[in-house]
Protein backbone atom coordinates (compact mmCIF):
# COMPACT_ATOMS: atom_id res chain seq x y z
CA UNK A 1 -90.71 -146.02 120.47
CA UNK A 2 -91.93 -143.85 123.30
CA UNK A 3 -93.62 -140.72 122.02
CA UNK A 4 -93.47 -137.26 123.47
CA UNK A 5 -91.47 -133.99 123.40
CA UNK A 6 -88.50 -134.06 125.68
CA UNK A 7 -88.49 -131.14 128.16
CA UNK A 8 -86.33 -129.90 130.94
CA UNK A 9 -88.45 -131.20 133.64
CA UNK A 10 -87.49 -134.12 135.89
CA UNK A 11 -89.58 -136.25 138.42
CA UNK A 12 -88.64 -136.34 142.02
CA UNK A 13 -89.50 -139.35 144.28
CA UNK A 14 -89.51 -139.48 148.04
CA UNK A 15 -88.58 -142.52 150.25
CA UNK A 16 -91.84 -141.78 152.13
CA UNK A 17 -94.53 -139.32 151.82
CA UNK A 18 -95.68 -139.46 155.44
CA UNK A 19 -94.02 -136.58 157.27
CA UNK A 20 -93.89 -135.05 160.81
CA UNK A 21 -95.03 -131.46 160.59
CA UNK A 22 -95.71 -128.75 163.18
CA UNK A 23 -98.59 -126.54 162.48
CA UNK A 24 -99.91 -123.18 163.79
CA UNK A 25 -102.46 -120.57 162.89
CA UNK A 26 -100.89 -117.91 160.73
CA UNK A 27 -102.75 -115.13 162.49
CA UNK A 28 -100.35 -115.75 165.54
CA UNK A 29 -97.32 -114.87 163.40
CA UNK A 30 -98.14 -112.74 160.45
CA UNK A 31 -94.54 -112.00 159.67
CA UNK A 32 -92.92 -115.33 158.62
CA UNK A 33 -89.49 -113.70 158.46
CA UNK A 34 -89.54 -113.05 162.28
CA UNK A 35 -89.99 -116.74 162.96
CA UNK A 36 -87.20 -117.77 160.58
CA UNK A 37 -84.99 -115.23 162.09
CA UNK A 38 -85.62 -116.32 165.73
CA UNK A 39 -84.97 -119.91 164.80
CA UNK A 40 -82.07 -119.42 162.53
CA UNK A 41 -79.65 -122.34 162.70
CA UNK A 42 -82.19 -124.41 164.60
CA UNK A 43 -82.76 -127.01 161.87
CA UNK A 44 -86.45 -125.91 161.40
CA UNK A 45 -88.12 -124.50 158.31
CA UNK A 46 -91.28 -122.41 158.07
CA UNK A 47 -93.76 -122.24 155.21
CA UNK A 48 -97.15 -120.37 155.15
CA UNK A 49 -100.15 -121.53 153.06
CA UNK A 50 -103.54 -119.78 153.42
CA UNK A 51 -104.42 -119.67 157.16
CA UNK A 52 -101.70 -121.91 158.57
CA UNK A 53 -97.94 -121.92 159.14
CA UNK A 54 -96.21 -125.23 158.71
CA UNK A 55 -92.80 -126.10 160.21
CA UNK A 56 -90.60 -129.08 159.26
CA UNK A 57 -87.13 -130.26 160.09
CA UNK A 58 -85.30 -132.28 162.76
CA UNK A 59 -86.06 -130.20 165.85
CA UNK A 60 -89.72 -129.62 165.96
CA UNK A 61 -90.44 -130.23 169.68
CA UNK A 62 -89.06 -126.88 170.66
CA UNK A 63 -91.85 -125.16 168.73
CA UNK A 64 -94.47 -126.42 171.13
CA UNK A 65 -93.79 -123.50 173.53
CA UNK A 66 -94.84 -120.91 170.86
CA UNK A 67 -98.07 -122.70 169.98
CA UNK A 68 -97.20 -125.19 167.26
CA UNK A 69 -98.70 -128.64 167.36
CA UNK A 70 -97.09 -131.74 165.74
CA UNK A 71 -98.98 -133.93 163.46
CA UNK A 72 -98.23 -136.59 160.78
CA UNK A 73 -99.52 -135.90 157.29
CA UNK A 74 -99.34 -137.44 153.82
CA UNK A 75 -97.48 -135.07 151.61
CA UNK A 76 -99.72 -136.07 148.69
CA UNK A 77 -102.55 -134.17 150.55
CA UNK A 78 -100.49 -130.98 150.82
CA UNK A 79 -98.54 -130.64 147.47
CA UNK A 80 -97.66 -127.09 147.93
CA UNK A 81 -96.11 -127.82 151.29
CA UNK A 82 -94.39 -130.97 149.88
CA UNK A 83 -92.95 -128.77 147.07
CA UNK A 84 -91.60 -126.32 149.65
CA UNK A 85 -89.97 -129.12 151.67
CA UNK A 86 -88.35 -130.66 148.67
CA UNK A 87 -87.08 -127.27 147.53
CA UNK A 88 -85.47 -126.44 150.84
CA UNK A 89 -83.80 -129.96 150.80
CA UNK A 90 -82.38 -129.41 147.32
CA UNK A 91 -81.13 -125.94 148.08
CA UNK A 92 -79.35 -127.28 151.20
CA UNK A 93 -77.88 -130.00 149.09
CA UNK A 94 -76.45 -127.73 146.56
CA UNK A 95 -75.03 -125.36 149.30
CA UNK A 96 -73.25 -128.33 150.89
CA UNK A 97 -71.84 -129.07 147.34
CA UNK A 98 -70.39 -125.47 147.15
CA UNK A 99 -73.08 -123.90 144.85
CA UNK A 100 -73.88 -120.30 145.27
CA UNK A 101 -77.63 -119.72 145.77
CA UNK A 102 -79.56 -116.67 144.80
CA UNK A 103 -83.29 -115.84 144.96
CA UNK A 104 -84.97 -113.41 142.61
CA UNK A 105 -88.75 -112.87 142.21
CA UNK A 106 -89.66 -116.43 142.97
CA UNK A 107 -86.70 -117.98 140.94
CA UNK A 108 -83.90 -119.84 142.45
CA UNK A 109 -80.41 -119.60 140.85
CA UNK A 110 -77.56 -121.97 141.70
CA UNK A 111 -73.99 -121.10 140.37
CA UNK A 112 -71.14 -123.48 140.21
CA UNK A 113 -68.58 -120.94 141.50
CA UNK A 114 -65.85 -123.54 141.84
CA UNK A 115 -65.44 -124.11 138.26
CA UNK A 116 -65.15 -120.65 136.64
CA UNK A 117 -64.27 -120.44 132.79
CA UNK A 118 -61.69 -117.91 132.03
CA UNK A 119 -62.31 -115.37 129.28
CA UNK A 120 -59.11 -114.82 127.13
CA UNK A 121 -57.28 -111.48 127.45
CA UNK A 122 -59.51 -110.28 130.32
CA UNK A 123 -59.95 -110.74 134.10
CA UNK A 124 -63.47 -111.94 133.55
CA UNK A 125 -64.86 -115.32 134.30
CA UNK A 126 -67.94 -117.13 133.05
CA UNK A 127 -69.85 -118.93 135.80
CA UNK A 128 -72.15 -121.67 134.76
CA UNK A 129 -75.38 -122.07 136.75
CA UNK A 130 -78.97 -123.12 136.81
CA UNK A 131 -82.33 -121.62 137.22
CA UNK A 132 -84.80 -124.08 138.80
CA UNK A 133 -88.21 -124.37 140.34
CA UNK A 134 -89.90 -127.26 142.13
CA UNK A 135 -93.64 -127.91 141.74
CA UNK A 136 -96.21 -130.62 141.23
CA UNK A 137 -98.24 -132.09 138.38
CA UNK A 138 -101.54 -133.78 138.26
CA UNK A 139 -102.19 -136.75 135.94
CA UNK A 140 -105.69 -138.08 136.21
CA UNK A 141 -105.76 -139.45 139.88
CA UNK A 142 -102.02 -139.24 140.66
CA UNK A 143 -99.61 -136.40 141.65
CA UNK A 144 -96.03 -136.07 140.75
CA UNK A 145 -93.43 -133.72 142.17
CA UNK A 146 -91.00 -132.35 139.55
CA UNK A 147 -88.24 -129.90 139.04
CA UNK A 148 -87.74 -127.67 136.08
CA UNK A 149 -84.18 -126.65 135.32
CA UNK A 150 -82.75 -124.04 132.75
CA UNK A 151 -79.21 -122.93 132.32
CA UNK A 152 -78.09 -119.65 133.85
CA UNK A 153 -74.86 -117.77 133.49
CA UNK A 154 -73.25 -114.88 135.06
CA UNK A 155 -70.03 -112.97 134.15
CA UNK A 156 -67.78 -111.67 136.96
CA UNK A 157 -64.36 -110.01 137.30
CA UNK A 158 -61.68 -110.72 139.75
CA UNK A 159 -63.42 -108.62 142.37
CA UNK A 160 -66.71 -110.76 141.87
CA UNK A 161 -68.31 -107.74 140.32
CA UNK A 162 -71.04 -108.79 137.77
CA UNK A 163 -70.84 -107.74 134.14
CA UNK A 164 -73.77 -107.37 131.81
CA UNK A 165 -73.30 -107.79 128.01
CA UNK A 166 -73.73 -104.01 127.61
CA UNK A 167 -70.91 -103.40 130.14
CA UNK A 168 -68.58 -105.93 128.52
CA UNK A 169 -69.10 -104.33 125.13
CA UNK A 170 -68.50 -100.93 126.51
CA UNK A 171 -65.35 -101.80 128.64
CA UNK A 172 -63.90 -104.33 126.39
CA UNK A 173 -65.07 -105.08 122.79
CA UNK A 174 -67.41 -107.01 120.58
CA UNK A 175 -64.78 -109.84 120.15
CA UNK A 176 -64.83 -110.52 123.97
CA UNK A 177 -68.56 -110.51 123.90
CA UNK A 178 -68.52 -113.04 121.01
CA UNK A 179 -66.05 -115.27 122.94
CA UNK A 180 -68.48 -115.31 125.91
CA UNK A 181 -71.47 -116.10 123.71
CA UNK A 182 -69.54 -119.04 122.06
CA UNK A 183 -68.65 -120.43 125.45
CA UNK A 184 -72.25 -120.17 126.49
CA UNK A 185 -73.32 -122.01 123.28
CA UNK A 186 -75.37 -119.10 121.93
CA UNK A 187 -73.33 -118.68 118.74
CA UNK A 188 -71.15 -121.07 116.59
CA UNK A 189 -67.42 -120.56 116.71
CA UNK A 190 -66.68 -120.98 112.97
CA UNK A 191 -68.88 -118.25 111.58
CA UNK A 192 -70.42 -116.51 114.60
CA UNK A 193 -73.91 -117.42 113.50
CA UNK A 194 -76.75 -118.36 115.93
CA UNK A 195 -76.62 -121.83 117.24
CA UNK A 196 -80.11 -123.24 116.47
CA UNK A 197 -79.40 -126.34 118.59
CA UNK A 198 -78.48 -124.50 121.78
CA UNK A 199 -81.52 -125.60 123.74
CA UNK A 200 -80.83 -129.21 122.93
CA UNK A 201 -77.14 -128.94 123.64
CA UNK A 202 -77.79 -127.31 126.91
CA UNK A 203 -80.16 -129.98 127.97
CA UNK A 204 -77.69 -132.81 126.88
CA UNK A 205 -74.41 -131.24 128.02
CA UNK A 206 -75.30 -129.22 131.08
CA UNK A 207 -78.77 -129.82 132.63
CA UNK A 208 -78.83 -133.64 132.47
CA UNK A 209 -75.14 -134.01 133.83
CA UNK A 210 -76.18 -131.50 136.68
CA UNK A 211 -79.16 -133.80 137.37
CA UNK A 212 -77.02 -136.96 137.42
CA UNK A 213 -74.52 -135.42 139.76
CA UNK A 214 -77.24 -134.36 142.24
CA UNK A 215 -79.55 -137.43 141.96
CA UNK A 216 -79.80 -138.13 145.73
CA UNK A 217 -80.41 -135.61 148.55
CA UNK A 218 -82.18 -135.50 151.88
CA UNK A 219 -85.20 -133.18 152.63
CA UNK A 220 -85.52 -131.36 155.93
CA UNK A 221 -87.88 -134.02 157.45
CA UNK A 222 -85.16 -136.61 157.09
CA UNK A 223 -86.71 -138.50 154.08
CA UNK A 224 -84.54 -139.43 151.07
CA UNK A 225 -85.37 -137.75 147.74
CA UNK A 226 -84.27 -139.08 144.35
CA UNK A 227 -84.11 -136.99 141.24
CA UNK A 228 -84.79 -139.04 138.10
CA UNK A 229 -82.14 -138.37 135.48
CA UNK A 230 -84.46 -138.93 132.50
CA UNK A 231 -86.34 -135.86 131.47
CA UNK A 232 -90.13 -136.09 131.22
CA UNK A 233 -91.75 -136.38 127.77
CA UNK A 234 -94.89 -134.36 127.00
CA UNK A 235 -97.51 -135.93 124.85
CA UNK A 236 -99.74 -133.38 123.12
CA UNK A 237 -103.02 -134.82 122.13
CA UNK A 238 -106.73 -134.17 121.87
């Protein structure tokens, strides 16, 4: 039997880790948002790390006129850059699959707005979503790229206005709030007590199915990425 604690982290593999990248000194473009704005819809992405700006995508040659030089690098040697490339690829994949993406203080939220869950006797809907982040892990002399995924919910009305628990309780009643928390899995429907298995249920019933439905995607440099649908196991030892 394989030992370890199952967690909400999944490995990501790439079809190739060699990638065409365009590079420029960051001192030339201290404001990255200006670059992104100037090349919006041009199929290029920008990422800054320390003293350099990296660009990746399918249309890099146009960047030579503004001082970028193309190179081929092994993404294992630039894990922060690799994580950014994978992240942009996964976000684009979710957008194409009609997820709504939000960014907040370094976190990325993806909401499945096409499958709202109605709340009885209200004009409210519960929207299931996910909070994810892509990073890398070292294991002795190897490096792995991974994604951590948590569930995330939002409640909206027919005008797409968001409702907090406090606002729901104030404008409706505690029964409506309980109904929402039951649908989220926070409490049990029979006796309204806390669901002590909620983390396990969300992993099995929401996170893993989400991963299985989004196993394959393409990152901006044209390489294929595969998201393994078995969560990692963490072994705690001496």
